[in-house]
C-alpha atoms as a PDB file:
ATOM      1  CA  UNK A   1     142.968  61.296 144.707  1.00  0.00           C
ATOM      2  CA  UNK A   2     140.388  63.159 146.735  1.00  0.00           C
ATOM      3  CA  UNK A   3     137.896  62.030 149.386  1.00  0.00           C
ATOM      4  CA  UNK A   4     134.805  63.944 150.491  1.00  0.00           C
ATOM      5  CA  UNK A   5     132.708  62.882 153.469  1.00  0.00           C
ATOM      6  CA  UNK A   6     128.994  63.455 153.952  1.00  0.00           C
ATOM      7  CA  UNK A   7     126.517  62.361 156.607  1.00  0.00           C
ATOM      8  CA  UNK A   8     125.957  58.871 155.195  1.00  0.00           C
ATOM      9  CA  UNK A   9     128.309  58.589 152.215  1.00  0.00           C
ATOM     10  CA  UNK A  10     131.811  59.195 150.881  1.00  0.00           C
ATOM     11  CA  UNK A  11     132.879  60.376 147.439  1.00  0.00           C
ATOM     12  CA  UNK A  12     136.235  58.953 146.390  1.00  0.00           C
ATOM     13  CA  UNK A  13     137.763  60.559 143.290  1.00  0.00           C
ATOM     14  CA  UNK A  14     140.782  58.877 141.723  1.00  0.00           C
ATOM     15  CA  UNK A  15     142.252  57.720 138.415  1.00  0.00           C
ATOM     16  CA  UNK A  16     142.232  54.142 137.160  1.00  0.00           C
ATOM     17  CA  UNK A  17     145.183  52.181 135.778  1.00  0.00           C
ATOM     18  CA  UNK A  18     145.067  53.919 132.385  1.00  0.00           C
ATOM     19  CA  UNK A  19     144.408  57.455 133.643  1.00  0.00           C
ATOM     20  CA  UNK A  20     140.616  57.618 133.431  1.00  0.00           C
ATOM     21  CA  UNK A  21     138.740  59.511 136.125  1.00  0.00           C
ATOM     22  CA  UNK A  22     136.728  57.435 138.592  1.00  0.00           C
ATOM     23  CA  UNK A  23     134.200  58.660 141.189  1.00  0.00           C
ATOM     24  CA  UNK A  24     132.987  56.059 143.666  1.00  0.00           C
ATOM     25  CA  UNK A  25     130.235  56.693 146.225  1.00  0.00           C
ATOM     26  CA  UNK A  26     129.689  54.091 148.961  1.00  0.00           C
ATOM     27  CA  UNK A  27     126.668  54.781 151.215  1.00  0.00           C
ATOM     28  CA  UNK A  28     126.735  53.678 154.849  1.00  0.00           C
ATOM     29  CA  UNK A  29     124.197  52.630 157.475  1.00  0.00           C
ATOM     30  CA  UNK A  30     125.207  51.512 160.971  1.00  0.00           C
ATOM     31  CA  UNK A  31     128.858  51.471 159.912  1.00  0.00           C
ATOM     32  CA  UNK A  32     128.326  49.115 156.950  1.00  0.00           C
ATOM     33  CA  UNK A  33     128.202  49.818 153.223  1.00  0.00           C
ATOM     34  CA  UNK A  34     124.590  49.334 152.092  1.00  0.00           C
ATOM     35  CA  UNK A  35     124.889  50.578 148.501  1.00  0.00           C
ATOM     36  CA  UNK A  36     127.378  52.091 146.142  1.00  0.00           C
ATOM     37  CA  UNK A  37     127.611  53.924 142.862  1.00  0.00           C
ATOM     38  CA  UNK A  38     130.393  54.668 140.421  1.00  0.00           C
ATOM     39  CA  UNK A  39     130.943  57.075 137.554  1.00  0.00           C
ATOM     40  CA  UNK A  40     133.740  56.619 135.074  1.00  0.00           C
ATOM     41  CA  UNK A  41     135.068  59.429 132.898  1.00  0.00           C
ATOM     42  CA  UNK A  42     136.574  59.340 129.444  1.00  0.00           C
ATOM     43  CA  UNK A  43     140.087  58.008 128.978  1.00  0.00           C
ATOM     44  CA  UNK A  44     142.515  59.389 126.429  1.00  0.00           C
ATOM     45  CA  UNK A  45     143.033  57.102 123.431  1.00  0.00           C
ATOM     46  CA  UNK A  46     146.284  55.158 123.553  1.00  0.00           C
END
């Protein structure tokens, strides 16, 4: 897991339950999340 902080957003990199890569980006305004985005990478075939 890795977390990167910017001026108004975070990038949270982690792996899901089956090992796929996940990148989540919540954007903040006045201390509240106002939007969010996610990107999901390929997962190895089981």
